[in-house]
Structure formats: structure tokens, C-alpha cells
Amino acid sequence: MAKTQDYTKMMQDMMGAFPVDMNMFQGAFKSTTELNEKFARVVLDAAGKSAEISSKWTKDTLAKLGDVSAAKTEAADYASAMTEFASAQAEMVSENLAAFADVAKKVQTETVELMMVAGKDLTSEAEAAVKKATDEVTKATKKAAASVK
């Protein structure tokens, strides 16, 4: 009967010949999770502010509708109430859209800042990893050259 080859041992030997620095992967994972946490804070803050704006807008609109739906003594008062409501709505739309725009602008600014910081961090980490790898290869080369002599 033929003997099957032990692929587990072969893979272990092969992986042992190419050591991998797991600290690099752990560092990358940690950096990624920290960046994701910062992005989540930006998003949740924006969502909270947007909800506050929407809630206030709804409450203000309902309050104004209360004025419109109130009983009037003169027919012209209904037209006047509707005109005031429409005018107030136009003003509220302008104010609330400006508030939403401010939230969006803040999110955009914070996102760009986070991306710039992340880019700088990745660049410095990559430089450190390349330097470390170069040093290790240089040491291994010198060691191999010394053992050949």
C-alpha cells in the first residue's frame, strides 16, 4: 500500500522557512479598528444632530398647524393663517436645510481629516516595516555570506 505524504509537516516546514511578523498584522488590525471607531463616532454624531434637527422641525410644524386649525371668527382669518403658515414653513425650510448642510459639512471635514491622519500613519508604518525587513534581509545575507566563507 502506498504511503501518503504528510502535507501538514511539509506546510509547517515551508511556513517556518518564511517567518511572518504577526505584530505587523496585529498593529494593522488595531489601526483599522481605531480608524473605524473614529468614523463611527463621526457618523453617529451626525445622525444624532440630524435627528435633532428633524425632530425640532416636526415640532415647529405641528405647533404652526395648531394655529392654522384653530377656529376663526372671520373667513379671511383662515386665509391669513394659511399665509402665515406658508411663510413660516418657507423660513423653516431654509433654516433647517442650512442646519443639515452644516452637519454634512462637518462630517465631510472630519472625514477628510481622519483620512489624512490615516494616510500619514500608514505611510510611517509602511516605512518602518520596509526598514525592518531591509535590516533583517541584510543581517540574513551577511550571516549566509559569513557561513559560506
N, C-alpha and C. Protein backbone atom coordinates (compact mmCIF):
# COMPACT_ATOMS: atom_id res chain seq x y z
N MET A 1 0.84 -1.17 0.00
CA MET A 1 0.00 0.00 0.00
C MET A 1 0.89 1.23 0.00
N ALA A 2 0.49 2.23 -0.72
CA ALA A 2 1.30 3.45 -0.84
C ALA A 2 1.16 4.28 0.42
N LYS A 3 2.27 4.89 0.80
CA LYS A 3 2.27 5.75 1.98
C LYS A 3 1.93 7.16 1.54
N THR A 4 0.93 7.80 2.20
CA THR A 4 0.55 9.17 1.84
C THR A 4 1.53 10.15 2.45
N GLN A 5 1.77 11.18 1.71
CA GLN A 5 2.70 12.20 2.16
C GLN A 5 2.09 13.04 3.27
N ASP A 6 2.89 13.46 4.24
CA ASP A 6 2.42 14.28 5.35
C ASP A 6 2.49 15.75 4.93
N TYR A 7 1.38 16.24 4.39
CA TYR A 7 1.35 17.62 3.91
C TYR A 7 1.39 18.62 5.06
N THR A 8 0.90 18.22 6.22
CA THR A 8 0.93 19.11 7.38
C THR A 8 2.36 19.45 7.74
N LYS A 9 3.21 18.44 7.80
CA LYS A 9 4.63 18.65 8.13
C LYS A 9 5.30 19.49 7.05
N MET A 10 4.99 19.21 5.80
CA MET A 10 5.58 19.96 4.70
C MET A 10 5.17 21.45 4.77
N MET A 11 3.91 21.72 5.06
CA MET A 11 3.44 23.10 5.17
C MET A 11 4.08 23.80 6.36
N GLN A 12 4.22 23.10 7.48
CA GLN A 12 4.86 23.69 8.64
C GLN A 12 6.31 24.04 8.35
N ASP A 13 6.99 23.16 7.68
CA ASP A 13 8.39 23.43 7.31
C ASP A 13 8.49 24.61 6.37
N MET A 14 7.58 24.66 5.40
CA MET A 14 7.60 25.75 4.43
C MET A 14 7.28 27.09 5.11
N MET A 15 6.28 27.12 5.99
CA MET A 15 5.93 28.35 6.68
C MET A 15 7.03 28.77 7.65
N GLY A 16 7.71 27.80 8.23
CA GLY A 16 8.83 28.10 9.12
C GLY A 16 9.99 28.73 8.38
N ALA A 17 10.14 28.39 7.11
CA ALA A 17 11.22 28.96 6.31
C ALA A 17 10.95 30.42 5.96
N PHE A 18 9.70 30.83 6.01
CA PHE A 18 9.30 32.21 5.72
C PHE A 18 8.59 32.79 6.93
N PRO A 19 9.35 33.18 7.94
CA PRO A 19 8.68 33.69 9.15
C PRO A 19 7.93 34.99 8.86
N VAL A 20 6.79 35.11 9.50
CA VAL A 20 5.95 36.29 9.34
C VAL A 20 5.84 36.98 10.69
N ASP A 21 6.02 38.27 10.67
CA ASP A 21 5.91 39.05 11.91
C ASP A 21 4.43 39.33 12.18
N MET A 22 3.86 38.59 13.11
CA MET A 22 2.43 38.75 13.41
C MET A 22 2.14 40.09 14.08
N ASN A 23 3.15 40.70 14.68
CA ASN A 23 2.95 42.02 15.28
C ASN A 23 2.51 43.04 14.23
N MET A 24 3.02 42.88 13.02
CA MET A 24 2.64 43.78 11.94
C MET A 24 1.14 43.65 11.66
N PHE A 25 0.65 42.42 11.60
CA PHE A 25 -0.77 42.20 11.34
C PHE A 25 -1.63 42.70 12.50
N GLN A 26 -1.15 42.45 13.72
CA GLN A 26 -1.89 42.93 14.88
C GLN A 26 -1.93 44.45 14.91
N GLY A 27 -0.83 45.08 14.56
CA GLY A 27 -0.78 46.54 14.51
C GLY A 27 -1.72 47.09 13.45
N ALA A 28 -1.74 46.44 12.29
CA ALA A 28 -2.64 46.88 11.21
C ALA A 28 -4.09 46.71 11.63
N PHE A 29 -4.39 45.61 12.29
CA PHE A 29 -5.76 45.37 12.77
C PHE A 29 -6.16 46.42 13.79
N LYS A 30 -5.25 46.71 14.71
CA LYS A 30 -5.53 47.71 15.75
C LYS A 30 -5.75 49.08 15.12
N SER A 31 -4.90 49.44 14.16
CA SER A 31 -5.05 50.74 13.49
C SER A 31 -6.38 50.83 12.75
N THR A 32 -6.75 49.74 12.10
CA THR A 32 -8.01 49.72 11.35
C THR A 32 -9.21 49.85 12.28
N THR A 33 -9.17 49.13 13.39
CA THR A 33 -10.31 49.22 14.30
C THR A 33 -10.40 50.60 14.95
N GLU A 34 -9.26 51.21 15.24
CA GLU A 34 -9.27 52.56 15.81
C GLU A 34 -9.84 53.56 14.80
N LEU A 35 -9.45 53.42 13.54
CA LEU A 35 -9.96 54.30 12.49
C LEU A 35 -11.47 54.10 12.32
N ASN A 36 -11.90 52.85 12.32
CA ASN A 36 -13.33 52.56 12.19
C ASN A 36 -14.13 53.14 13.36
N GLU A 37 -13.55 53.09 14.55
CA GLU A 37 -14.21 53.67 15.73
C GLU A 37 -14.38 55.19 15.55
N LYS A 38 -13.35 55.83 15.03
CA LYS A 38 -13.43 57.28 14.82
C LYS A 38 -14.48 57.61 13.76
N PHE A 39 -14.52 56.83 12.67
CA PHE A 39 -15.53 57.04 11.64
C PHE A 39 -16.93 56.83 12.22
N ALA A 40 -17.07 55.81 13.04
CA ALA A 40 -18.38 55.53 13.65
C ALA A 40 -18.82 56.70 14.52
N ARG A 41 -17.88 57.30 15.27
CA ARG A 41 -18.24 58.46 16.09
C ARG A 41 -18.73 59.61 15.22
N VAL A 42 -18.05 59.84 14.11
CA VAL A 42 -18.46 60.92 13.20
C VAL A 42 -19.87 60.66 12.68
N VAL A 43 -20.11 59.44 12.25
CA VAL A 43 -21.41 59.08 11.68
C VAL A 43 -22.52 59.17 12.73
N LEU A 44 -22.26 58.64 13.91
CA LEU A 44 -23.29 58.65 14.96
C LEU A 44 -23.58 60.08 15.43
N ASP A 45 -22.55 60.90 15.51
CA ASP A 45 -22.75 62.29 15.89
C ASP A 45 -23.62 63.01 14.85
N ALA A 46 -23.31 62.78 13.58
CA ALA A 46 -24.10 63.39 12.50
C ALA A 46 -25.54 62.89 12.52
N ALA A 47 -25.72 61.60 12.75
CA ALA A 47 -27.08 61.04 12.79
C ALA A 47 -27.86 61.65 13.95
N GLY A 48 -27.22 61.81 15.10
CA GLY A 48 -27.88 62.41 16.26
C GLY A 48 -28.29 63.85 15.99
N LYS A 49 -27.38 64.61 15.39
CA LYS A 49 -27.69 66.01 15.09
C LYS A 49 -28.80 66.11 14.04
N SER A 50 -28.76 65.24 13.04
CA SER A 50 -29.81 65.23 12.02
C SER A 50 -31.16 64.89 12.63
N ALA A 51 -31.18 63.94 13.56
CA ALA A 51 -32.43 63.57 14.23
C ALA A 51 -32.97 64.74 15.06
N GLU A 52 -32.05 65.47 15.72
CA GLU A 52 -32.48 66.64 16.49
C GLU A 52 -33.10 67.70 15.59
N ILE A 53 -32.47 67.95 14.45
CA ILE A 53 -32.99 68.94 13.50
C ILE A 53 -34.37 68.52 13.01
N SER A 54 -34.49 67.25 12.62
CA SER A 54 -35.77 66.74 12.11
C SER A 54 -36.86 66.82 13.18
N SER A 55 -36.51 66.46 14.39
CA SER A 55 -37.48 66.49 15.49
C SER A 55 -37.97 67.92 15.76
N LYS A 56 -37.02 68.84 15.82
CA LYS A 56 -37.39 70.24 16.07
C LYS A 56 -38.26 70.77 14.93
N TRP A 57 -37.90 70.44 13.71
CA TRP A 57 -38.66 70.89 12.54
C TRP A 57 -40.10 70.35 12.62
N THR A 58 -40.23 69.09 12.98
CA THR A 58 -41.56 68.48 13.10
C THR A 58 -42.38 69.16 14.19
N LYS A 59 -41.75 69.38 15.35
CA LYS A 59 -42.46 70.04 16.46
C LYS A 59 -42.90 71.44 16.08
N ASP A 60 -42.02 72.19 15.42
CA ASP A 60 -42.36 73.55 15.00
C ASP A 60 -43.50 73.55 13.98
N THR A 61 -43.45 72.59 13.05
CA THR A 61 -44.51 72.49 12.04
C THR A 61 -45.84 72.16 12.70
N LEU A 62 -45.84 71.22 13.63
CA LEU A 62 -47.08 70.86 14.31
C LEU A 62 -47.63 72.03 15.13
N ALA A 63 -46.76 72.79 15.75
CA ALA A 63 -47.20 73.97 16.51
C ALA A 63 -47.86 74.97 15.58
N LYS A 64 -47.26 75.18 14.42
CA LYS A 64 -47.83 76.12 13.45
C LYS A 64 -49.16 75.60 12.90
N LEU A 65 -49.25 74.29 12.72
CA LEU A 65 -50.52 73.72 12.25
C LEU A 65 -51.62 73.90 13.28
N GLY A 66 -51.24 73.92 14.55
CA GLY A 66 -52.23 74.18 15.61
C GLY A 66 -52.85 75.55 15.43
N ASP A 67 -52.02 76.53 15.04
CA ASP A 67 -52.55 77.87 14.79
C ASP A 67 -53.48 77.88 13.58
N VAL A 68 -53.13 77.12 12.55
CA VAL A 68 -53.95 77.08 11.34
C VAL A 68 -55.29 76.40 11.62
N SER A 69 -55.27 75.35 12.42
CA SER A 69 -56.50 74.59 12.63
C SER A 69 -57.42 75.20 13.69
N ALA A 70 -56.97 76.23 14.37
CA ALA A 70 -57.82 76.88 15.38
C ALA A 70 -59.02 77.55 14.70
N ALA A 71 -60.15 77.51 15.40
CA ALA A 71 -61.37 78.13 14.86
C ALA A 71 -61.20 79.64 14.77
N LYS A 72 -61.68 80.19 13.67
CA LYS A 72 -61.59 81.63 13.43
C LYS A 72 -63.00 82.22 13.33
N THR A 73 -63.11 83.52 13.62
CA THR A 73 -64.42 84.17 13.56
C THR A 73 -64.71 84.68 12.16
N GLU A 74 -63.68 85.07 11.44
CA GLU A 74 -63.85 85.61 10.08
C GLU A 74 -63.25 84.64 9.06
N ALA A 75 -63.85 84.55 7.91
CA ALA A 75 -63.35 83.69 6.83
C ALA A 75 -61.97 84.14 6.36
N ALA A 76 -61.74 85.44 6.36
CA ALA A 76 -60.45 85.97 5.93
C ALA A 76 -59.33 85.56 6.88
N ASP A 77 -59.68 85.27 8.13
CA ASP A 77 -58.67 84.85 9.10
C ASP A 77 -58.06 83.50 8.72
N TYR A 78 -58.84 82.64 8.06
CA TYR A 78 -58.32 81.35 7.63
C TYR A 78 -57.25 81.55 6.54
N ALA A 79 -57.55 82.43 5.62
CA ALA A 79 -56.58 82.73 4.56
C ALA A 79 -55.32 83.34 5.15
N SER A 80 -55.51 84.22 6.10
CA SER A 80 -54.37 84.85 6.76
C SER A 80 -53.54 83.80 7.51
N ALA A 81 -54.19 82.87 8.20
CA ALA A 81 -53.49 81.83 8.94
C ALA A 81 -52.69 80.92 7.99
N MET A 82 -53.29 80.59 6.84
CA MET A 82 -52.59 79.77 5.85
C MET A 82 -51.40 80.50 5.26
N THR A 83 -51.55 81.79 5.03
CA THR A 83 -50.45 82.59 4.50
C THR A 83 -49.30 82.64 5.50
N GLU A 84 -49.63 82.84 6.77
CA GLU A 84 -48.61 82.87 7.82
C GLU A 84 -47.93 81.51 7.95
N PHE A 85 -48.74 80.43 7.84
CA PHE A 85 -48.17 79.08 7.91
C PHE A 85 -47.20 78.84 6.76
N ALA A 86 -47.63 79.19 5.55
CA ALA A 86 -46.77 79.00 4.37
C ALA A 86 -45.48 79.81 4.50
N SER A 87 -45.60 81.03 4.98
CA SER A 87 -44.43 81.88 5.17
C SER A 87 -43.48 81.28 6.22
N ALA A 88 -44.06 80.81 7.32
CA ALA A 88 -43.25 80.20 8.38
C ALA A 88 -42.58 78.92 7.88
N GLN A 89 -43.30 78.15 7.06
CA GLN A 89 -42.72 76.92 6.51
C GLN A 89 -41.54 77.23 5.59
N ALA A 90 -41.69 78.24 4.77
CA ALA A 90 -40.60 78.63 3.87
C ALA A 90 -39.36 79.02 4.67
N GLU A 91 -39.58 79.74 5.75
CA GLU A 91 -38.45 80.15 6.60
C GLU A 91 -37.83 78.93 7.30
N MET A 92 -38.69 78.03 7.79
CA MET A 92 -38.19 76.83 8.47
C MET A 92 -37.41 75.93 7.50
N VAL A 93 -37.90 75.82 6.29
CA VAL A 93 -37.20 75.00 5.29
C VAL A 93 -35.79 75.55 5.08
N SER A 94 -35.70 76.84 4.92
CA SER A 94 -34.40 77.47 4.70
C SER A 94 -33.46 77.24 5.90
N GLU A 95 -33.96 77.46 7.10
CA GLU A 95 -33.14 77.29 8.31
C GLU A 95 -32.72 75.84 8.50
N ASN A 96 -33.65 74.93 8.31
CA ASN A 96 -33.34 73.52 8.55
C ASN A 96 -32.42 72.93 7.49
N LEU A 97 -32.60 73.33 6.25
CA LEU A 97 -31.68 72.86 5.21
C LEU A 97 -30.27 73.40 5.46
N ALA A 98 -30.18 74.63 5.96
CA ALA A 98 -28.86 75.18 6.31
C ALA A 98 -28.26 74.39 7.47
N ALA A 99 -29.08 73.99 8.42
CA ALA A 99 -28.59 73.20 9.56
C ALA A 99 -28.11 71.82 9.08
N PHE A 100 -28.88 71.18 8.17
CA PHE A 100 -28.45 69.90 7.61
C PHE A 100 -27.15 70.06 6.82
N ALA A 101 -27.03 71.16 6.10
CA ALA A 101 -25.80 71.42 5.34
C ALA A 101 -24.61 71.58 6.27
N ASP A 102 -24.81 72.23 7.41
CA ASP A 102 -23.73 72.38 8.39
C ASP A 102 -23.28 71.02 8.92
N VAL A 103 -24.25 70.15 9.19
CA VAL A 103 -23.92 68.80 9.66
C VAL A 103 -23.11 68.06 8.59
N ALA A 104 -23.57 68.14 7.35
CA ALA A 104 -22.87 67.46 6.25
C ALA A 104 -21.46 68.02 6.06
N LYS A 105 -21.34 69.32 6.17
CA LYS A 105 -20.02 69.96 6.02
C LYS A 105 -19.07 69.49 7.12
N LYS A 106 -19.59 69.40 8.35
CA LYS A 106 -18.76 68.95 9.47
C LYS A 106 -18.33 67.50 9.26
N VAL A 107 -19.24 66.65 8.80
CA VAL A 107 -18.91 65.25 8.53
C VAL A 107 -17.83 65.17 7.46
N GLN A 108 -17.99 65.96 6.42
CA GLN A 108 -17.01 65.94 5.33
C GLN A 108 -15.64 66.38 5.84
N THR A 109 -15.59 67.45 6.61
CA THR A 109 -14.33 67.95 7.14
C THR A 109 -13.67 66.92 8.05
N GLU A 110 -14.44 66.34 8.96
CA GLU A 110 -13.88 65.35 9.89
C GLU A 110 -13.42 64.09 9.15
N THR A 111 -14.15 63.70 8.11
CA THR A 111 -13.76 62.53 7.32
C THR A 111 -12.44 62.77 6.60
N VAL A 112 -12.30 63.93 5.99
CA VAL A 112 -11.06 64.26 5.30
C VAL A 112 -9.89 64.29 6.29
N GLU A 113 -10.11 64.87 7.46
CA GLU A 113 -9.06 64.91 8.48
C GLU A 113 -8.66 63.49 8.91
N LEU A 114 -9.66 62.63 9.13
CA LEU A 114 -9.36 61.25 9.51
C LEU A 114 -8.58 60.52 8.42
N MET A 115 -8.97 60.72 7.17
CA MET A 115 -8.28 60.07 6.07
C MET A 115 -6.84 60.56 5.94
N MET A 116 -6.63 61.85 6.16
CA MET A 116 -5.27 62.38 6.08
C MET A 116 -4.40 61.81 7.19
N VAL A 117 -4.94 61.75 8.40
CA VAL A 117 -4.19 61.17 9.52
C VAL A 117 -3.91 59.70 9.26
N ALA A 118 -4.91 58.98 8.76
CA ALA A 118 -4.73 57.56 8.48
C ALA A 118 -3.67 57.37 7.40
N GLY A 119 -3.67 58.21 6.40
CA GLY A 119 -2.66 58.13 5.34
C GLY A 119 -1.26 58.35 5.87
N LYS A 120 -1.12 59.34 6.74
CA LYS A 120 0.19 59.60 7.35
C LYS A 120 0.63 58.42 8.20
N ASP A 121 -0.30 57.86 8.99
CA ASP A 121 0.03 56.72 9.84
C ASP A 121 0.43 55.51 9.00
N LEU A 122 -0.32 55.25 7.92
CA LEU A 122 0.01 54.11 7.06
C LEU A 122 1.37 54.29 6.40
N THR A 123 1.66 55.52 6.00
CA THR A 123 2.95 55.78 5.36
C THR A 123 4.09 55.53 6.34
N SER A 124 3.95 56.04 7.56
CA SER A 124 5.02 55.84 8.55
C SER A 124 5.14 54.37 8.93
N GLU A 125 4.02 53.65 9.05
CA GLU A 125 4.07 52.23 9.37
C GLU A 125 4.72 51.45 8.23
N ALA A 126 4.40 51.81 7.00
CA ALA A 126 5.00 51.12 5.85
C ALA A 126 6.50 51.37 5.80
N GLU A 127 6.91 52.61 6.06
CA GLU A 127 8.34 52.93 6.07
C GLU A 127 9.06 52.11 7.14
N ALA A 128 8.46 52.01 8.33
CA ALA A 128 9.06 51.24 9.42
C ALA A 128 9.16 49.76 9.05
N ALA A 129 8.10 49.22 8.43
CA ALA A 129 8.10 47.81 8.05
C ALA A 129 9.15 47.53 6.99
N VAL A 130 9.28 48.42 6.01
CA VAL A 130 10.28 48.24 4.95
C VAL A 130 11.69 48.31 5.54
N LYS A 131 11.90 49.27 6.44
CA LYS A 131 13.22 49.41 7.07
C LYS A 131 13.56 48.16 7.87
N LYS A 132 12.58 47.64 8.63
CA LYS A 132 12.80 46.44 9.43
C LYS A 132 13.10 45.24 8.53
N ALA A 133 12.32 45.09 7.46
CA ALA A 133 12.54 43.98 6.54
C ALA A 133 13.91 44.09 5.88
N THR A 134 14.30 45.29 5.50
CA THR A 134 15.61 45.51 4.88
C THR A 134 16.72 45.14 5.84
N ASP A 135 16.59 45.57 7.10
CA ASP A 135 17.59 45.23 8.11
C ASP A 135 17.69 43.72 8.30
N GLU A 136 16.54 43.04 8.35
CA GLU A 136 16.54 41.59 8.55
C GLU A 136 17.18 40.86 7.36
N VAL A 137 16.86 41.30 6.15
CA VAL A 137 17.44 40.68 4.97
C VAL A 137 18.95 40.93 4.93
N THR A 138 19.36 42.14 5.29
CA THR A 138 20.78 42.45 5.31
C THR A 138 21.51 41.56 6.32
N LYS A 139 20.93 41.40 7.50
CA LYS A 139 21.55 40.53 8.52
C LYS A 139 21.62 39.08 8.03
N ALA A 140 20.53 38.60 7.43
CA ALA A 140 20.50 37.22 6.94
C ALA A 140 21.52 37.03 5.82
N THR A 141 21.66 38.02 4.96
CA THR A 141 22.62 37.94 3.86
C THR A 141 24.04 37.90 4.40
N LYS A 142 24.33 38.77 5.37
CA LYS A 142 25.67 38.79 5.98
C LYS A 142 25.96 37.47 6.67
N LYS A 143 24.93 36.93 7.36
CA LYS A 143 25.10 35.67 8.07
C LYS A 143 25.36 34.55 7.09
N ALA A 144 24.61 34.54 5.98
CA ALA A 144 24.79 33.49 4.96
C ALA A 144 26.16 33.64 4.30
N ALA A 145 26.57 34.86 4.05
CA ALA A 145 27.88 35.08 3.42
C ALA A 145 29.01 34.63 4.35
N ALA A 146 28.83 34.88 5.65
CA ALA A 146 29.85 34.50 6.61
C ALA A 146 29.94 32.98 6.74
N SER A 147 28.83 32.29 6.65
CA SER A 147 28.85 30.83 6.77
C SER A 147 29.42 30.16 5.53
N VAL A 148 29.38 30.83 4.39
CA VAL A 148 29.93 30.27 3.14
C VAL A 148 31.44 30.33 3.16
N LYS A 149 32.01 31.36 3.78
CA LYS A 149 33.47 31.54 3.78
C LYS A 149 34.16 30.50 4.53
